[in-house]
């Protein structure tokens, strides 16, 4: 997966994710729960500070490309929401076909009923074909998103919306909600995967989050991002192919990363078209 820039006569499209499909050596295997051996879906596999990585599928299986910039002693990290990270050398990873992750023990808190008096609608959703961010070819993984300031230290997320342009009949995103510390996205605040299914090829995709009971405390400002984890077949005769794009608009700052173990980057010319509804 490598970065490229698309240009129009009016505005450059700052970036998309791209999967290099040339023939390369690959290794395949699966990630499983260390306790019960069940698959770990959508686990992230990445090389520390290098543009290499992949995401397991819904059955916990992975195909990892061995690109020319990798060394046997490189540090590889496997992570998934709700599990402890595992770090090992690439050389050791190549010898394994089944790798286990230990689930994080969850402490059950007392249920608290919090009355929320106010509604907040943040961000906006616009269709601008000259400002797109997303994934091309067979690329997936990475994160793209915006920072939202709720203005309250306790709030509940109700829904998220974004404008999708794709040639696929169905795409699946993983939602991330992170702390925003010292100008950069930080620790994941979710304790489990939230998968958003979009079946719209050209339009606004609206997703109800109220059923997940996402209560954020002590974080008046959060980073909300999307990670492409899967897509269906391409619809015939569609000019977009199997590309998956999210529209953007001028203003704001876009925060993104190519792979799970690479640094966060920013684009200060525009931000993602993303709307967040919350109660506080």
Protein backbone atom coordinates (compact mmCIF):
# COMPACT_ATOMS: atom_id res chain seq x y z
CA UNK A 1 0.00 0.00 0.00
CA UNK A 2 1.59 3.29 -1.05
CA UNK A 3 0.63 6.92 -1.21
CA UNK A 4 -0.23 8.67 -4.43
CA UNK A 5 -1.74 12.03 -5.31
CA UNK A 6 -4.54 12.54 -7.79
CA UNK A 7 -4.92 15.91 -9.49
CA UNK A 8 -7.82 17.80 -10.99
CA UNK A 9 -7.88 21.11 -12.81
CA UNK A 10 -9.15 22.79 -9.65
CA UNK A 11 -7.94 21.11 -6.49
CA UNK A 12 -5.47 18.33 -5.74
CA UNK A 13 -6.90 15.32 -3.97
CA UNK A 14 -4.52 15.09 -1.02
CA UNK A 15 -4.20 11.32 -0.67
CA UNK A 16 -5.68 7.89 -1.02
CA UNK A 17 -4.60 4.49 0.21
CA UNK A 18 -3.24 2.24 -2.54
CA UNK A 19 -2.37 -1.44 -2.50
CA UNK A 20 0.52 -2.45 -4.76
CA UNK A 21 -0.74 -5.53 -6.55
CA UNK A 22 2.50 -6.58 -8.23
CA UNK A 23 3.68 -10.10 -7.52
CA UNK A 24 5.47 -10.32 -4.16
CA UNK A 25 6.27 -12.99 -1.63
CA UNK A 26 3.47 -13.43 0.87
CA UNK A 27 2.86 -15.42 4.03
CA UNK A 28 -0.56 -16.48 5.26
CA UNK A 29 -1.90 -17.54 8.61
CA UNK A 30 -4.50 -16.74 11.26
CA UNK A 31 -4.83 -14.83 14.54
CA UNK A 32 -6.76 -16.52 17.35
CA UNK A 33 -7.92 -15.92 20.89
CA UNK A 34 -5.38 -17.46 23.29
CA UNK A 35 -8.13 -18.61 25.69
CA UNK A 36 -10.61 -20.35 23.43
CA UNK A 37 -8.87 -20.45 20.02
CA UNK A 38 -11.68 -18.52 18.32
CA UNK A 39 -10.65 -16.27 15.39
CA UNK A 40 -9.73 -12.64 16.04
CA UNK A 41 -11.38 -10.70 13.21
CA UNK A 42 -9.90 -7.47 11.85
CA UNK A 43 -6.67 -7.62 13.87
CA UNK A 44 -3.99 -5.19 12.68
CA UNK A 45 -0.53 -6.47 11.74
CA UNK A 46 2.19 -3.89 11.15
CA UNK A 47 5.94 -3.37 11.07
CA UNK A 48 7.17 -0.71 13.47
CA UNK A 49 7.74 2.58 11.58
CA UNK A 50 7.60 0.94 8.16
CA UNK A 51 4.96 1.04 5.45
CA UNK A 52 3.98 -2.61 5.67
CA UNK A 53 1.02 -4.33 7.21
CA UNK A 54 -2.36 -5.96 6.78
CA UNK A 55 -5.68 -6.61 8.50
CA UNK A 56 -7.15 -10.03 9.22
CA UNK A 57 -10.49 -10.85 7.64
CA UNK A 58 -13.74 -11.70 9.44
CA UNK A 59 -12.40 -15.25 10.06
CA UNK A 60 -9.10 -14.03 11.54
CA UNK A 61 -7.04 -14.97 8.47
CA UNK A 62 -4.27 -12.78 7.07
CA UNK A 63 -2.05 -12.51 3.99
CA UNK A 64 1.08 -10.46 4.69
CA UNK A 65 3.25 -9.14 1.85
CA UNK A 66 7.02 -9.31 2.31
CA UNK A 67 8.10 -6.09 0.61
CA UNK A 68 11.73 -5.29 -0.24
CA UNK A 69 12.11 -2.70 2.56
CA UNK A 70 11.75 -5.30 5.32
CA UNK A 71 14.45 -7.01 7.40
CA UNK A 72 14.27 -10.21 9.41
CA UNK A 73 14.99 -8.30 12.64
CA UNK A 74 12.19 -5.76 12.13
CA UNK A 75 9.71 -5.51 14.99
CA UNK A 76 6.20 -6.64 14.06
CA UNK A 77 3.21 -5.76 16.24
CA UNK A 78 -0.18 -7.47 16.20
CA UNK A 79 -3.05 -5.63 17.85
CA UNK A 80 -6.81 -5.74 18.12
CA UNK A 81 -9.32 -3.84 20.23
CA UNK A 82 -9.95 -5.85 23.40
CA UNK A 83 -6.64 -7.78 23.24
CA UNK A 84 -3.09 -7.28 24.48
CA UNK A 85 -0.59 -6.26 21.80
CA UNK A 86 1.92 -8.90 20.73
CA UNK A 87 5.39 -7.93 19.55
CA UNK A 88 7.78 -10.28 17.77
CA UNK A 89 10.53 -10.27 15.18
CA UNK A 90 9.52 -10.56 11.55
CA UNK A 91 11.70 -13.66 11.28
CA UNK A 92 9.71 -15.35 14.06
CA UNK A 93 6.39 -14.19 12.61
CA UNK A 94 7.27 -15.84 9.30
CA UNK A 95 7.64 -19.23 11.02
CA UNK A 96 4.18 -19.18 12.60
CA UNK A 97 0.88 -19.90 10.92
CA UNK A 98 -1.35 -19.58 13.97
CA UNK A 99 -0.66 -16.70 16.38
CA UNK A 100 -2.65 -16.10 19.56
CA UNK A 101 -3.57 -12.87 21.34
CA UNK A 102 -4.54 -12.67 24.99
CA UNK A 103 -7.85 -10.90 25.65
CA UNK A 104 -7.81 -7.97 28.03
CA UNK A 105 -9.70 -8.65 31.24
CA UNK A 106 -12.67 -6.32 31.49
CA UNK A 107 -13.73 -4.87 34.82
CA UNK A 108 -17.51 -4.56 35.02
CA UNK A 109 -18.52 -1.13 36.30
CA UNK A 110 -21.71 -0.26 38.10
CA UNK A 111 -24.38 0.78 35.63
CA UNK A 112 -25.05 4.52 35.88
CA UNK A 113 -28.05 6.24 34.35
CA UNK A 114 -26.89 9.66 33.17
CA UNK A 115 -29.49 12.22 32.10
CA UNK A 116 -28.39 14.20 29.03
CA UNK A 117 -30.20 17.48 28.40
CA UNK A 118 -28.57 18.72 25.20
CA UNK A 119 -27.99 17.55 21.64
CA UNK A 120 -24.87 18.39 19.62
CA UNK A 121 -24.41 18.05 15.85
CA UNK A 122 -20.78 18.54 14.83
CA UNK A 123 -19.11 18.57 11.42
CA UNK A 124 -20.78 18.46 8.03
CA UNK A 125 -21.29 16.07 5.11
CA UNK A 126 -20.71 17.39 1.59
CA UNK A 127 -20.22 15.84 -1.85
CA UNK A 128 -17.01 17.19 -3.41
CA UNK A 129 -15.46 14.94 -6.04
CA UNK A 130 -12.33 17.11 -6.14
CA UNK A 131 -11.58 16.45 -2.44
CA UNK A 132 -11.42 12.74 -1.74
CA UNK A 133 -9.62 10.53 0.74
CA UNK A 134 -9.76 6.78 0.74
CA UNK A 135 -8.50 3.47 -0.56
CA UNK A 136 -7.69 2.38 -4.11
CA UNK A 137 -6.98 -0.98 -5.69
CA UNK A 138 -7.27 -3.68 -3.03
CA UNK A 139 -5.87 -1.44 -0.28
CA UNK A 140 -7.33 -1.41 3.20
CA UNK A 141 -6.31 -0.56 6.76
CA UNK A 142 -4.96 2.79 7.86
CA UNK A 143 -7.13 5.49 9.46
CA UNK A 144 -8.55 8.80 8.28
CA UNK A 145 -10.56 11.13 10.47
CA UNK A 146 -11.26 14.42 12.21
CA UNK A 147 -11.03 15.91 15.68
CA UNK A 148 -14.32 16.86 17.37
CA UNK A 149 -14.69 19.18 20.35
CA UNK A 150 -17.87 18.32 22.21
CA UNK A 151 -17.44 20.95 24.93
CA UNK A 152 -18.48 18.58 27.72
CA UNK A 153 -16.49 16.06 29.74
CA UNK A 154 -19.23 13.44 29.57
CA UNK A 155 -21.29 12.66 26.49
CA UNK A 156 -22.93 9.81 24.59
CA UNK A 157 -22.43 9.27 20.87
CA UNK A 158 -25.66 8.90 18.91
CA UNK A 159 -24.68 8.59 15.23
CA UNK A 160 -21.98 9.18 12.63
CA UNK A 161 -22.48 10.06 8.93
CA UNK A 162 -20.14 10.45 5.94
CA UNK A 163 -20.36 10.71 2.15
CA UNK A 164 -19.19 7.58 0.29
CA UNK A 165 -18.08 7.28 -3.34
CA UNK A 166 -17.29 3.70 -4.40
CA UNK A 167 -17.74 1.16 -7.16
CA UNK A 168 -18.38 -1.65 -4.66
CA UNK A 169 -21.87 -2.67 -3.66
CA UNK A 170 -20.90 -3.01 0.02
CA UNK A 171 -17.94 -1.79 2.10
CA UNK A 172 -17.15 -2.30 5.77
CA UNK A 173 -15.37 0.22 8.00
CA UNK A 174 -14.07 -0.09 11.55
CA UNK A 175 -14.90 2.94 13.68
CA UNK A 176 -12.16 4.33 15.92
CA UNK A 177 -12.66 6.77 18.79
CA UNK A 178 -9.41 7.99 20.29
CA UNK A 179 -8.17 10.49 22.81
CA UNK A 180 -6.67 13.60 21.25
CA UNK A 181 -3.53 14.54 23.18
CA UNK A 182 -0.85 17.14 22.35
CA UNK A 183 -2.12 17.62 18.81
CA UNK A 184 -2.22 13.92 17.88
CA UNK A 185 -4.67 11.00 18.12
CA UNK A 186 -3.91 8.78 21.10
CA UNK A 187 -5.32 5.82 23.03
CA UNK A 188 -8.33 3.96 21.64
CA UNK A 189 -11.39 4.61 23.84
CA UNK A 190 -13.50 1.74 22.53
CA UNK A 191 -13.20 -1.70 24.13
CA UNK A 192 -14.57 -3.64 21.18
CA UNK A 193 -14.92 -3.49 17.40
CA UNK A 194 -17.70 -1.36 15.92
CA UNK A 195 -18.12 -2.30 12.26
CA UNK A 196 -20.02 0.06 9.96
CA UNK A 197 -21.52 -1.42 6.79
CA UNK A 198 -22.09 0.98 3.89
CA UNK A 199 -24.25 -0.13 0.97
CA UNK A 200 -24.41 3.26 -0.77
CA UNK A 201 -22.24 3.82 -3.83
CA UNK A 202 -22.74 7.60 -4.11
CA UNK A 203 -24.38 9.24 -1.13
CA UNK A 204 -24.53 9.80 2.62
CA UNK A 205 -24.05 6.72 4.79
CA UNK A 206 -25.73 7.15 8.20
CA UNK A 207 -24.91 4.86 11.13
CA UNK A 208 -26.78 4.62 14.43
CA UNK A 209 -24.37 4.41 17.37
CA UNK A 210 -26.93 4.65 20.18
CA UNK A 211 -27.26 0.85 20.36
CA UNK A 212 -23.58 0.59 21.35
CA UNK A 213 -24.07 2.85 24.39
CA UNK A 214 -20.78 4.71 23.76
CA UNK A 215 -20.27 6.90 26.83
CA UNK A 216 -17.17 9.12 26.75
CA UNK A 217 -15.92 10.66 30.00
CA UNK A 218 -13.03 13.03 30.76
CA UNK A 219 -12.46 13.72 27.06
CA UNK A 220 -14.11 16.91 25.83
CA UNK A 221 -12.17 16.48 22.56
CA UNK A 222 -11.95 13.19 20.64
CA UNK A 223 -10.61 11.89 17.33
CA UNK A 224 -13.10 9.97 15.18
CA UNK A 225 -11.72 7.92 12.28
CA UNK A 226 -12.63 5.27 9.71
CA UNK A 227 -10.56 2.22 8.75
CA UNK A 228 -11.52 0.20 5.68
CA UNK A 229 -11.45 -3.49 6.56
CA UNK A 230 -13.31 -5.16 3.69
CA UNK A 231 -15.27 -4.62 0.49
CA UNK A 232 -17.48 -6.67 -1.79
CA UNK A 233 -17.19 -7.18 -5.53
CA UNK A 234 -17.11 -4.26 -7.92
CA UNK A 235 -20.32 -3.33 -9.67
CA UNK A 236 -20.00 -3.81 -13.44
CA UNK A 237 -19.31 -0.74 -15.62
CA UNK A 238 -18.74 1.58 -12.68
CA UNK A 239 -16.10 4.26 -13.26
CA UNK A 240 -14.98 4.13 -9.64
CA UNK A 241 -13.96 0.46 -9.83
CA UNK A 242 -13.37 -0.97 -6.37
CA UNK A 243 -12.00 2.34 -5.05
CA UNK A 244 -13.51 3.50 -1.76
CA UNK A 245 -13.53 7.27 -1.20
CA UNK A 246 -14.82 9.57 1.52
CA UNK A 247 -15.47 13.16 0.48
CA UNK A 248 -13.92 16.18 2.18
CA UNK A 249 -14.30 19.93 2.38
CA UNK A 250 -11.95 22.92 2.86
CA UNK A 251 -11.03 23.98 6.36
CA UNK A 252 -10.03 22.02 9.41
CA UNK A 253 -7.19 19.51 9.71
CA UNK A 254 -7.26 15.92 8.52
CA UNK A 255 -5.35 13.42 10.67
CA UNK A 256 -4.39 10.09 9.11
CA UNK A 257 -1.94 7.20 9.12
CA UNK A 258 -1.05 4.63 6.46
CA UNK A 259 -0.35 1.61 8.64
CA UNK A 260 -1.04 0.70 12.29
CA UNK A 261 2.60 1.16 13.36
CA UNK A 262 3.50 4.32 11.41
CA UNK A 263 3.35 7.92 12.61
CA UNK A 264 0.28 10.12 12.47
CA UNK A 265 0.26 12.65 9.63
CA UNK A 266 -1.82 15.76 8.98
CA UNK A 267 -3.25 17.64 6.03
CA UNK A 268 -4.11 21.23 6.89
CA UNK A 269 -5.96 22.06 3.65
CA UNK A 270 -9.17 20.18 4.33
CA UNK A 271 -10.94 17.70 6.59
CA UNK A 272 -13.15 14.68 6.12
CA UNK A 273 -16.87 15.19 5.46
CA UNK A 274 -18.03 13.64 8.70
CA UNK A 275 -20.99 14.46 10.94
CA UNK A 276 -21.18 13.39 14.57
CA UNK A 277 -24.30 13.53 16.75
CA UNK A 278 -23.94 13.41 20.53
CA UNK A 279 -25.91 14.04 23.71
CA UNK A 280 -24.39 15.75 26.74
